[in-house]
Structure formats: structure tokens, C-alpha cells
Amino acid sequence: MIEVTDKAAAELKSILKSEEKELSLRIYVAGVACSGIQYGLALDEEEREDDIKIESNGIKLVMTKDIEEGLSEGKIDYIEDENGKGFLIRNPNAGGCGTCGSCH
């Protein structure tokens, strides 16, 4: 199951509190790169009939079944460093760079 870390949950709860409607965090496929599928995050007030709905650390997540399977051991984290801050999806099931052979 996808996990939302404590740091990410705290940041998301702060963002959700400022909104005046009930929102979930949608995970979606944002593209494909040599390291595998790239996922994106967005706040969404709609839940589709075929969505998988889960909750982690007090955050409601929605996604399609294939995303849930691909991120079964994934974590949503929040990072702050010298390059900036933002949410990051860590997926231990993703392939490493060079898996497609086009980087060599």
C-alpha cells in the first residue's frame, strides 16, 4: 500500500485546511522516462467510479488500479533542501536509468 510520510501528511493537511472543499490527493501517470513511469500529484474533488480509494496518515488518496499496483510499496514524501521544496513519490519498484538502453 502507498504510504504518506509524516512530513508529507503534515504539509498536505496544511494545504487541505486552506481549501474550502473536500479534496483528495490524486496520483496519476505524468509520463514515462528511462527510469520508468513518472507519477504526478494533484488535489481533486472528484472521485471516478473506477478509482481505488485509500487513506494513509489521514490523507485520502485516489488513483486507478494499475497505479496502485505499480506503487504498491511507494511512499509520498515532502522534501526541503538547497534546490527547493516539494512532494516526491519514492517508488522502490521503479527501474534504474539505462533500462531502456537509450542512455548509452
PDB file of N, CA and C in Angstrom:
ATOM      1  N   MET A   1       0.835  -1.186   0.000  1.00  0.00           N
ATOM      2  CA  MET A   1       0.000   0.000   0.000  1.00  0.00           C
ATOM      3  C   MET A   1       0.884   1.255   0.000  1.00  0.00           C
ATOM      4  N   ILE A   2       0.453   2.264  -0.682  1.00  0.00           N
ATOM      5  CA  ILE A   2       1.175   3.522  -0.749  1.00  0.00           C
ATOM      6  C   ILE A   2       1.115   4.202   0.617  1.00  0.00           C
ATOM      7  N   GLU A   3       2.254   4.718   1.041  1.00  0.00           N
ATOM      8  CA  GLU A   3       2.343   5.369   2.346  1.00  0.00           C
ATOM      9  C   GLU A   3       2.620   6.857   2.166  1.00  0.00           C
ATOM     10  N   VAL A   4       1.933   7.671   2.965  1.00  0.00           N
ATOM     11  CA  VAL A   4       2.219   9.102   3.034  1.00  0.00           C
ATOM     12  C   VAL A   4       3.038   9.308   4.304  1.00  0.00           C
ATOM     13  N   THR A   5       4.254   9.842   4.161  1.00  0.00           N
ATOM     14  CA  THR A   5       5.111  10.030   5.332  1.00  0.00           C
ATOM     15  C   THR A   5       4.521  11.100   6.256  1.00  0.00           C
ATOM     16  N   ASP A   6       5.001  11.121   7.486  1.00  0.00           N
ATOM     17  CA  ASP A   6       4.523  12.109   8.458  1.00  0.00           C
ATOM     18  C   ASP A   6       4.753  13.538   7.967  1.00  0.00           C
ATOM     19  N   LYS A   7       5.919  13.784   7.394  1.00  0.00           N
ATOM     20  CA  LYS A   7       6.251  15.131   6.905  1.00  0.00           C
ATOM     21  C   LYS A   7       5.330  15.539   5.753  1.00  0.00           C
ATOM     22  N   ALA A   8       5.089  14.616   4.821  1.00  0.00           N
ATOM     23  CA  ALA A   8       4.202  14.915   3.693  1.00  0.00           C
ATOM     24  C   ALA A   8       2.769  15.109   4.179  1.00  0.00           C
ATOM     25  N   ALA A   9       2.328  14.276   5.127  1.00  0.00           N
ATOM     26  CA  ALA A   9       0.964  14.388   5.650  1.00  0.00           C
ATOM     27  C   ALA A   9       0.751  15.739   6.324  1.00  0.00           C
ATOM     28  N   ALA A  10       1.722  16.186   7.108  1.00  0.00           N
ATOM     29  CA  ALA A  10       1.603  17.481   7.786  1.00  0.00           C
ATOM     30  C   ALA A  10       1.477  18.613   6.767  1.00  0.00           C
ATOM     31  N   GLU A  11       2.291  18.584   5.732  1.00  0.00           N
ATOM     32  CA  GLU A  11       2.250  19.625   4.697  1.00  0.00           C
ATOM     33  C   GLU A  11       0.930  19.567   3.928  1.00  0.00           C
ATOM     34  N   LEU A  12       0.483  18.361   3.584  1.00  0.00           N
ATOM     35  CA  LEU A  12      -0.775  18.211   2.852  1.00  0.00           C
ATOM     36  C   LEU A  12      -1.966  18.659   3.695  1.00  0.00           C
ATOM     37  N   LYS A  13      -1.968  18.332   4.970  1.00  0.00           N
ATOM     38  CA  LYS A  13      -3.065  18.744   5.843  1.00  0.00           C
ATOM     39  C   LYS A  13      -3.139  20.267   5.928  1.00  0.00           C
ATOM     40  N   SER A  14      -2.000  20.920   5.943  1.00  0.00           N
ATOM     41  CA  SER A  14      -1.961  22.379   5.957  1.00  0.00           C
ATOM     42  C   SER A  14      -2.557  22.942   4.663  1.00  0.00           C
ATOM     43  N   ILE A  15      -2.207  22.356   3.542  1.00  0.00           N
ATOM     44  CA  ILE A  15      -2.733  22.796   2.247  1.00  0.00           C
ATOM     45  C   ILE A  15      -4.240  22.539   2.177  1.00  0.00           C
ATOM     46  N   LEU A  16      -4.661  21.342   2.579  1.00  0.00           N
ATOM     47  CA  LEU A  16      -6.076  20.981   2.515  1.00  0.00           C
ATOM     48  C   LEU A  16      -6.929  21.843   3.438  1.00  0.00           C
ATOM     49  N   LYS A  17      -6.372  22.238   4.562  1.00  0.00           N
ATOM     50  CA  LYS A  17      -7.109  23.082   5.518  1.00  0.00           C
ATOM     51  C   LYS A  17      -7.451  24.435   4.907  1.00  0.00           C
ATOM     52  N   SER A  18      -6.585  24.946   4.041  1.00  0.00           N
ATOM     53  CA  SER A  18      -6.811  26.253   3.426  1.00  0.00           C
ATOM     54  C   SER A  18      -7.866  26.202   2.318  1.00  0.00           C
ATOM     55  N   GLU A  19      -8.187  25.013   1.842  1.00  0.00           N
ATOM     56  CA  GLU A  19      -9.206  24.857   0.805  1.00  0.00           C
ATOM     57  C   GLU A  19     -10.585  24.832   1.459  1.00  0.00           C
ATOM     58  N   GLU A  20     -11.587  25.264   0.741  1.00  0.00           N
ATOM     59  CA  GLU A  20     -12.933  25.321   1.300  1.00  0.00           C
ATOM     60  C   GLU A  20     -13.822  24.204   0.772  1.00  0.00           C
ATOM     61  N   LYS A  21     -13.209  23.101   0.340  1.00  0.00           N
ATOM     62  CA  LYS A  21     -13.981  21.969  -0.160  1.00  0.00           C
ATOM     63  C   LYS A  21     -13.252  20.680   0.171  1.00  0.00           C
ATOM     64  N   GLU A  22     -13.966  19.587   0.082  1.00  0.00           N
ATOM     65  CA  GLU A  22     -13.410  18.268   0.371  1.00  0.00           C
ATOM     66  C   GLU A  22     -12.567  17.808  -0.823  1.00  0.00           C
ATOM     67  N   LEU A  23     -11.278  17.570  -0.587  1.00  0.00           N
ATOM     68  CA  LEU A  23     -10.375  17.186  -1.664  1.00  0.00           C
ATOM     69  C   LEU A  23      -9.619  15.911  -1.308  1.00  0.00           C
ATOM     70  N   SER A  24      -9.266  15.182  -2.342  1.00  0.00           N
ATOM     71  CA  SER A  24      -8.393  14.018  -2.200  1.00  0.00           C
ATOM     72  C   SER A  24      -7.113  14.314  -2.960  1.00  0.00           C
ATOM     73  N   LEU A  25      -6.084  13.540  -2.674  1.00  0.00           N
ATOM     74  CA  LEU A  25      -4.842  13.644  -3.425  1.00  0.00           C
ATOM     75  C   LEU A  25      -4.874  12.590  -4.527  1.00  0.00           C
ATOM     76  N   ARG A  26      -4.898  13.043  -5.770  1.00  0.00           N
ATOM     77  CA  ARG A  26      -4.923  12.114  -6.900  1.00  0.00           C
ATOM     78  C   ARG A  26      -3.499  11.841  -7.362  1.00  0.00           C
ATOM     79  N   ILE A  27      -3.208  10.552  -7.545  1.00  0.00           N
ATOM     80  CA  ILE A  27      -1.931  10.134  -8.123  1.00  0.00           C
ATOM     81  C   ILE A  27      -2.229   9.736  -9.564  1.00  0.00           C
ATOM     82  N   TYR A  28      -1.432  10.240 -10.508  1.00  0.00           N
ATOM     83  CA  TYR A  28      -1.674   9.964 -11.924  1.00  0.00           C
ATOM     84  C   TYR A  28      -0.347   9.719 -12.643  1.00  0.00           C
ATOM     85  N   VAL A  29      -0.423   9.114 -13.810  1.00  0.00           N
ATOM     86  CA  VAL A  29       0.767   8.897 -14.636  1.00  0.00           C
ATOM     87  C   VAL A  29       1.057  10.202 -15.365  1.00  0.00           C
ATOM     88  N   ALA A  30       2.269  10.741 -15.135  1.00  0.00           N
ATOM     89  CA  ALA A  30       2.660  12.013 -15.740  1.00  0.00           C
ATOM     90  C   ALA A  30       3.536  11.813 -16.975  1.00  0.00           C
ATOM     91  N   GLY A  31       3.993  10.602 -17.197  1.00  0.00           N
ATOM     92  CA  GLY A  31       4.839  10.323 -18.354  1.00  0.00           C
ATOM     93  C   GLY A  31       5.696   9.108 -18.109  1.00  0.00           C
ATOM     94  N   VAL A  32       6.534   8.799 -19.084  1.00  0.00           N
ATOM     95  CA  VAL A  32       7.444   7.663 -18.980  1.00  0.00           C
ATOM     96  C   VAL A  32       8.838   8.142 -19.349  1.00  0.00           C
ATOM     97  N   ALA A  33       9.813   7.776 -18.528  1.00  0.00           N
ATOM     98  CA  ALA A  33      11.210   8.127 -18.778  1.00  0.00           C
ATOM     99  C   ALA A  33      12.039   6.860 -18.706  1.00  0.00           C
ATOM    100  N   CYS A  34      13.344   6.981 -18.893  1.00  0.00           N
ATOM    101  CA  CYS A  34      14.190   5.789 -18.883  1.00  0.00           C
ATOM    102  C   CYS A  34      14.222   5.114 -17.514  1.00  0.00           C
ATOM    103  N   SER A  35      13.822   5.842 -16.467  1.00  0.00           N
ATOM    104  CA  SER A  35      13.773   5.230 -15.136  1.00  0.00           C
ATOM    105  C   SER A  35      12.405   4.633 -14.841  1.00  0.00           C
ATOM    106  N   GLY A  36      11.509   4.652 -15.827  1.00  0.00           N
ATOM    107  CA  GLY A  36      10.187   4.051 -15.660  1.00  0.00           C
ATOM    108  C   GLY A  36       9.079   5.084 -15.678  1.00  0.00           C
ATOM    109  N   ILE A  37       7.939   4.691 -15.155  1.00  0.00           N
ATOM    110  CA  ILE A  37       6.770   5.557 -15.126  1.00  0.00           C
ATOM    111  C   ILE A  37       6.996   6.703 -14.147  1.00  0.00           C
ATOM    112  N   GLN A  38       6.648   7.900 -14.576  1.00  0.00           N
ATOM    113  CA  GLN A  38       6.727   9.087 -13.726  1.00  0.00           C
ATOM    114  C   GLN A  38       5.316   9.421 -13.264  1.00  0.00           C
ATOM    115  N   TYR A  39       5.157   9.620 -11.957  1.00  0.00           N
ATOM    116  CA  TYR A  39       3.845   9.895 -11.388  1.00  0.00           C
ATOM    117  C   TYR A  39       3.733  11.352 -10.979  1.00  0.00           C
ATOM    118  N   GLY A  40       2.511  11.865 -11.026  1.00  0.00           N
ATOM    119  CA  GLY A  40       2.224  13.213 -10.588  1.00  0.00           C
ATOM    120  C   GLY A  40       1.180  13.202  -9.493  1.00  0.00           C
ATOM    121  N   LEU A  41       1.045  14.340  -8.812  1.00  0.00           N
ATOM    122  CA  LEU A  41       0.080  14.507  -7.728  1.00  0.00           C
ATOM    123  C   LEU A  41      -0.752  15.746  -7.999  1.00  0.00           C
ATOM    124  N   ALA A  42      -2.039  15.662  -7.680  1.00  0.00           N
ATOM    125  CA  ALA A  42      -2.915  16.823  -7.825  1.00  0.00           C
ATOM    126  C   ALA A  42      -4.050  16.711  -6.814  1.00  0.00           C
ATOM    127  N   LEU A  43      -4.524  17.856  -6.351  1.00  0.00           N
ATOM    128  CA  LEU A  43      -5.703  17.856  -5.500  1.00  0.00           C
ATOM    129  C   LEU A  43      -6.917  17.710  -6.403  1.00  0.00           C
ATOM    130  N   ASP A  44      -7.855  16.874  -5.993  1.00  0.00           N
ATOM    131  CA  ASP A  44      -9.008  16.570  -6.839  1.00  0.00           C
ATOM    132  C   ASP A  44     -10.250  16.448  -5.977  1.00  0.00           C
ATOM    133  N   GLU A  45     -11.336  17.082  -6.411  1.00  0.00           N
ATOM    134  CA  GLU A  45     -12.578  16.963  -5.661  1.00  0.00           C
ATOM    135  C   GLU A  45     -13.484  15.882  -6.237  1.00  0.00           C
ATOM    136  N   GLU A  46     -13.098  15.302  -7.358  1.00  0.00           N
ATOM    137  CA  GLU A  46     -13.905  14.255  -7.986  1.00  0.00           C
ATOM    138  C   GLU A  46     -13.293  12.887  -7.743  1.00  0.00           C
ATOM    139  N   GLU A  47     -14.160  11.923  -7.531  1.00  0.00           N
ATOM    140  CA  GLU A  47     -13.743  10.523  -7.471  1.00  0.00           C
ATOM    141  C   GLU A  47     -14.488   9.801  -8.576  1.00  0.00           C
ATOM    142  N   ARG A  48     -13.745   9.098  -9.404  1.00  0.00           N
ATOM    143  CA  ARG A  48     -14.346   8.366 -10.517  1.00  0.00           C
ATOM    144  C   ARG A  48     -14.795   6.991 -10.053  1.00  0.00           C
ATOM    145  N   GLU A  49     -15.727   6.443 -10.789  1.00  0.00           N
ATOM    146  CA  GLU A  49     -16.305   5.144 -10.423  1.00  0.00           C
ATOM    147  C   GLU A  49     -15.244   4.051 -10.346  1.00  0.00           C
ATOM    148  N   ASP A  50     -14.235   4.099 -11.214  1.00  0.00           N
ATOM    149  CA  ASP A  50     -13.212   3.050 -11.244  1.00  0.00           C
ATOM    150  C   ASP A  50     -11.983   3.377 -10.400  1.00  0.00           C
ATOM    151  N   ASP A  51     -12.036   4.450  -9.611  1.00  0.00           N
ATOM    152  CA  ASP A  51     -10.910   4.817  -8.749  1.00  0.00           C
ATOM    153  C   ASP A  51     -10.739   3.850  -7.588  1.00  0.00           C
ATOM    154  N   ILE A  52      -9.493   3.643  -7.223  1.00  0.00           N
ATOM    155  CA  ILE A  52      -9.145   2.976  -5.977  1.00  0.00           C
ATOM    156  C   ILE A  52      -9.017   4.095  -4.952  1.00  0.00           C
ATOM    157  N   LYS A  53      -9.637   3.917  -3.811  1.00  0.00           N
ATOM    158  CA  LYS A  53      -9.598   4.947  -2.764  1.00  0.00           C
ATOM    159  C   LYS A  53      -8.953   4.346  -1.522  1.00  0.00           C
ATOM    160  N   ILE A  54      -7.898   4.982  -1.046  1.00  0.00           N
ATOM    161  CA  ILE A  54      -7.245   4.530   0.179  1.00  0.00           C
ATOM    162  C   ILE A  54      -6.943   5.742   1.049  1.00  0.00           C
ATOM    163  N   GLU A  55      -6.603   5.493   2.288  1.00  0.00           N
ATOM    164  CA  GLU A  55      -6.210   6.563   3.188  1.00  0.00           C
ATOM    165  C   GLU A  55      -4.887   6.181   3.828  1.00  0.00           C
ATOM    166  N   SER A  56      -3.993   7.124   3.913  1.00  0.00           N
ATOM    167  CA  SER A  56      -2.696   6.913   4.548  1.00  0.00           C
ATOM    168  C   SER A  56      -2.345   8.148   5.360  1.00  0.00           C
ATOM    169  N   ASN A  57      -2.102   7.953   6.627  1.00  0.00           N
ATOM    170  CA  ASN A  57      -1.680   9.034   7.519  1.00  0.00           C
ATOM    171  C   ASN A  57      -2.669  10.207   7.510  1.00  0.00           C
ATOM    172  N   GLY A  58      -3.967   9.877   7.388  1.00  0.00           N
ATOM    173  CA  GLY A  58      -5.006  10.900   7.403  1.00  0.00           C
ATOM    174  C   GLY A  58      -5.247  11.594   6.077  1.00  0.00           C
ATOM    175  N   ILE A  59      -4.585  11.149   5.014  1.00  0.00           N
ATOM    176  CA  ILE A  59      -4.737  11.755   3.688  1.00  0.00           C
ATOM    177  C   ILE A  59      -5.489  10.778   2.782  1.00  0.00           C
ATOM    178  N   LYS A  60      -6.569  11.272   2.144  1.00  0.00           N
ATOM    179  CA  LYS A  60      -7.323  10.445   1.201  1.00  0.00           C
ATOM    180  C   LYS A  60      -6.614  10.464  -0.155  1.00  0.00           C
ATOM    181  N   LEU A  61      -6.318   9.271  -0.673  1.00  0.00           N
ATOM    182  CA  LEU A  61      -5.658   9.122  -1.965  1.00  0.00           C
ATOM    183  C   LEU A  61      -6.621   8.467  -2.948  1.00  0.00           C
ATOM    184  N   VAL A  62      -6.604   8.914  -4.194  1.00  0.00           N
ATOM    185  CA  VAL A  62      -7.371   8.276  -5.265  1.00  0.00           C
ATOM    186  C   VAL A  62      -6.445   8.038  -6.446  1.00  0.00           C
ATOM    187  N   MET A  63      -6.684   6.920  -7.136  1.00  0.00           N
ATOM    188  CA  MET A  63      -5.864   6.552  -8.293  1.00  0.00           C
ATOM    189  C   MET A  63      -6.536   5.402  -9.020  1.00  0.00           C
ATOM    190  N   THR A  64      -6.043   5.087 -10.196  1.00  0.00           N
ATOM    191  CA  THR A  64      -6.546   3.922 -10.909  1.00  0.00           C
ATOM    192  C   THR A  64      -5.863   2.662 -10.368  1.00  0.00           C
ATOM    193  N   LYS A  65      -6.460   1.516 -10.645  1.00  0.00           N
ATOM    194  CA  LYS A  65      -5.956   0.245 -10.123  1.00  0.00           C
ATOM    195  C   LYS A  65      -4.524  -0.034 -10.587  1.00  0.00           C
ATOM    196  N   ASP A  66      -4.206   0.265 -11.849  1.00  0.00           N
ATOM    197  CA  ASP A  66      -2.855  -0.007 -12.348  1.00  0.00           C
ATOM    198  C   ASP A  66      -1.805   0.844 -11.648  1.00  0.00           C
ATOM    199  N   ILE A  67      -2.161   2.052 -11.243  1.00  0.00           N
ATOM    200  CA  ILE A  67      -1.226   2.888 -10.497  1.00  0.00           C
ATOM    201  C   ILE A  67      -0.999   2.303  -9.113  1.00  0.00           C
ATOM    202  N   GLU A  68      -2.072   1.858  -8.476  1.00  0.00           N
ATOM    203  CA  GLU A  68      -1.934   1.259  -7.143  1.00  0.00           C
ATOM    204  C   GLU A  68      -0.997   0.050  -7.195  1.00  0.00           C
ATOM    205  N   GLU A  69      -1.132  -0.776  -8.220  1.00  0.00           N
ATOM    206  CA  GLU A  69      -0.275  -1.958  -8.358  1.00  0.00           C
ATOM    207  C   GLU A  69       1.181  -1.562  -8.588  1.00  0.00           C
ATOM    208  N   GLY A  70       1.433  -0.554  -9.408  1.00  0.00           N
ATOM    209  CA  GLY A  70       2.794  -0.115  -9.710  1.00  0.00           C
ATOM    210  C   GLY A  70       3.484   0.579  -8.552  1.00  0.00           C
ATOM    211  N   LEU A  71       2.685   1.135  -7.628  1.00  0.00           N
ATOM    212  CA  LEU A  71       3.235   1.859  -6.481  1.00  0.00           C
ATOM    213  C   LEU A  71       2.957   1.134  -5.167  1.00  0.00           C
ATOM    214  N   SER A  72       2.787  -0.167  -5.226  1.00  0.00           N
ATOM    215  CA  SER A  72       2.364  -0.923  -4.042  1.00  0.00           C
ATOM    216  C   SER A  72       3.252  -0.702  -2.820  1.00  0.00           C
ATOM    217  N   GLU A  73       4.518  -0.408  -3.026  1.00  0.00           N
ATOM    218  CA  GLU A  73       5.433  -0.159  -1.907  1.00  0.00           C
ATOM    219  C   GLU A  73       5.931   1.283  -1.907  1.00  0.00           C
ATOM    220  N   GLY A  74       5.234   2.157  -2.619  1.00  0.00           N
ATOM    221  CA  GLY A  74       5.666   3.536  -2.759  1.00  0.00           C
ATOM    222  C   GLY A  74       5.392   4.390  -1.536  1.00  0.00           C
ATOM    223  N   LYS A  75       6.103   5.512  -1.471  1.00  0.00           N
ATOM    224  CA  LYS A  75       5.930   6.489  -0.398  1.00  0.00           C
ATOM    225  C   LYS A  75       5.837   7.880  -1.010  1.00  0.00           C
ATOM    226  N   ILE A  76       4.911   8.666  -0.469  1.00  0.00           N
ATOM    227  CA  ILE A  76       4.826  10.080  -0.831  1.00  0.00           C
ATOM    228  C   ILE A  76       5.513  10.837   0.291  1.00  0.00           C
ATOM    229  N   ASP A  77       6.540  11.592  -0.061  1.00  0.00           N
ATOM    230  CA  ASP A  77       7.329  12.306   0.930  1.00  0.00           C
ATOM    231  C   ASP A  77       7.345  13.792   0.588  1.00  0.00           C
ATOM    232  N   TYR A  78       7.781  14.603   1.529  1.00  0.00           N
ATOM    233  CA  TYR A  78       7.942  16.044   1.315  1.00  0.00           C
ATOM    234  C   TYR A  78       9.387  16.377   1.637  1.00  0.00           C
ATOM    235  N   ILE A  79      10.060  17.029   0.698  1.00  0.00           N
ATOM    236  CA  ILE A  79      11.468  17.346   0.909  1.00  0.00           C
ATOM    237  C   ILE A  79      11.691  18.859   0.834  1.00  0.00           C
ATOM    238  N   GLU A  80      12.673  19.305   1.595  1.00  0.00           N
ATOM    239  CA  GLU A  80      13.137  20.692   1.551  1.00  0.00           C
ATOM    240  C   GLU A  80      14.658  20.633   1.562  1.00  0.00           C
ATOM    241  N   ASP A  81      15.282  21.204   0.537  1.00  0.00           N
ATOM    242  CA  ASP A  81      16.742  21.257   0.509  1.00  0.00           C
ATOM    243  C   ASP A  81      17.188  22.509  -0.239  1.00  0.00           C
ATOM    244  N   GLU A  82      18.464  22.606  -0.536  1.00  0.00           N
ATOM    245  CA  GLU A  82      19.005  23.797  -1.188  1.00  0.00           C
ATOM    246  C   GLU A  82      18.425  24.018  -2.591  1.00  0.00           C
ATOM    247  N   ASN A  83      17.826  22.977  -3.176  1.00  0.00           N
ATOM    248  CA  ASN A  83      17.238  23.095  -4.510  1.00  0.00           C
ATOM    249  C   ASN A  83      15.769  23.501  -4.481  1.00  0.00           C
ATOM    250  N   GLY A  84      15.164  23.522  -3.301  1.00  0.00           N
ATOM    251  CA  GLY A  84      13.756  23.891  -3.198  1.00  0.00           C
ATOM    252  C   GLY A  84      13.002  22.921  -2.305  1.00  0.00           C
ATOM    253  N   LYS A  85      11.696  22.930  -2.453  1.00  0.00           N
ATOM    254  CA  LYS A  85      10.867  22.042  -1.651  1.00  0.00           C
ATOM    255  C   LYS A  85       9.716  21.535  -2.491  1.00  0.00           C
ATOM    256  N   GLY A  86       9.192  20.386  -2.086  1.00  0.00           N
ATOM    257  CA  GLY A  86       8.065  19.822  -2.818  1.00  0.00           C
ATOM    258  C   GLY A  86       7.825  18.373  -2.452  1.00  0.00           C
ATOM    259  N   PHE A  87       6.802  17.830  -3.055  1.00  0.00           N
ATOM    260  CA  PHE A  87       6.425  16.440  -2.810  1.00  0.00           C
ATOM    261  C   PHE A  87       7.177  15.529  -3.773  1.00  0.00           C
ATOM    262  N   LEU A  88       7.478  14.349  -3.303  1.00  0.00           N
ATOM    263  CA  LEU A  88       8.244  13.376  -4.063  1.00  0.00           C
ATOM    264  C   LEU A  88       7.618  12.007  -3.866  1.00  0.00           C
ATOM    265  N   ILE A  89       7.471  11.274  -4.949  1.00  0.00           N
ATOM    266  CA  ILE A  89       6.994   9.897  -4.855  1.00  0.00           C
ATOM    267  C   ILE A  89       8.199   8.986  -4.977  1.00  0.00           C
ATOM    268  N   ARG A  90       8.454   8.240  -3.916  1.00  0.00           N
ATOM    269  CA  ARG A  90       9.561   7.277  -3.909  1.00  0.00           C
ATOM    270  C   ARG A  90       8.983   5.906  -4.239  1.00  0.00           C
ATOM    271  N   ASN A  91       9.490   5.291  -5.297  1.00  0.00           N
ATOM    272  CA  ASN A  91       8.970   4.000  -5.736  1.00  0.00           C
ATOM    273  C   ASN A  91      10.108   2.989  -5.841  1.00  0.00           C
ATOM    274  N   PRO A  92      10.217   2.075  -4.871  1.00  0.00           N
ATOM    275  CA  PRO A  92      11.293   1.081  -4.925  1.00  0.00           C
ATOM    276  C   PRO A  92      11.124   0.082  -6.070  1.00  0.00           C
ATOM    277  N   ASN A  93       9.952   0.049  -6.691  1.00  0.00           N
ATOM    278  CA  ASN A  93       9.707  -0.884  -7.796  1.00  0.00           C
ATOM    279  C   ASN A  93      10.122  -0.321  -9.150  1.00  0.00           C
ATOM    280  N   ALA A  94      10.537   0.952  -9.192  1.00  0.00           N
ATOM    281  CA  ALA A  94      10.918   1.581 -10.462  1.00  0.00           C
ATOM    282  C   ALA A  94      12.271   1.068 -10.922  1.00  0.00           C
ATOM    283  N   GLY A  95      12.418   0.958 -12.224  1.00  0.00           N
ATOM    284  CA  GLY A  95      13.700   0.548 -12.790  1.00  0.00           C
ATOM    285  C   GLY A  95      14.703   1.686 -12.733  1.00  0.00           C
ATOM    286  N   GLY A  96      15.978   1.370 -12.817  1.00  0.00           N
ATOM    287  CA  GLY A  96      17.014   2.395 -12.796  1.00  0.00           C
ATOM    288  C   GLY A  96      17.276   2.945 -14.177  1.00  0.00           C
ATOM    289  N   CYS A  97      18.020   4.013 -14.256  1.00  0.00           N
ATOM    290  CA  CYS A  97      18.369   4.611 -15.530  1.00  0.00           C
ATOM    291  C   CYS A  97      19.143   3.609 -16.376  1.00  0.00           C
ATOM    292  N   GLY A  98      18.875   3.621 -17.650  1.00  0.00           N
ATOM    293  CA  GLY A  98      19.558   2.705 -18.553  1.00  0.00           C
ATOM    294  C   GLY A  98      18.744   1.471 -18.875  1.00  0.00           C
ATOM    295  N   THR A  99      17.557   1.338 -18.279  1.00  0.00           N
ATOM    296  CA  THR A  99      16.768   0.137 -18.532  1.00  0.00           C
ATOM    297  C   THR A  99      16.235   0.072 -19.956  1.00  0.00           C
ATOM    298  N   CYS A 100      16.127   1.221 -20.611  1.00  0.00           N
ATOM    299  CA  CYS A 100      15.610   1.192 -21.981  1.00  0.00           C
ATOM    300  C   CYS A 100      16.742   1.111 -23.009  1.00  0.00           C
ATOM    301  N   GLY A 101      17.980   1.332 -22.574  1.00  0.00           N
ATOM    302  CA  GLY A 101      19.114   1.238 -23.481  1.00  0.00           C
ATOM    303  C   GLY A 101      19.408   2.497 -24.265  1.00  0.00           C
ATOM    304  N   SER A 102      18.607   3.556 -24.113  1.00  0.00           N
ATOM    305  CA  SER A 102      18.820   4.764 -24.917  1.00  0.00           C
ATOM    306  C   SER A 102      19.810   5.737 -24.285  1.00  0.00           C
ATOM    307  N   CYS A 103      20.239   5.493 -23.047  1.00  0.00           N
ATOM    308  CA  CYS A 103      21.159   6.410 -22.380  1.00  0.00           C
ATOM    309  C   CYS A 103      22.619   6.091 -22.692  1.00  0.00           C
ATOM    310  N   HIS A 104      22.874   5.017 -23.361  1.00  0.00           N
ATOM    311  CA  HIS A 104      24.267   4.603 -23.592  1.00  0.00           C
ATOM    312  C   HIS A 104      24.709   4.908 -24.988  1.00  0.00           C
TER     313      HIS A 104
END
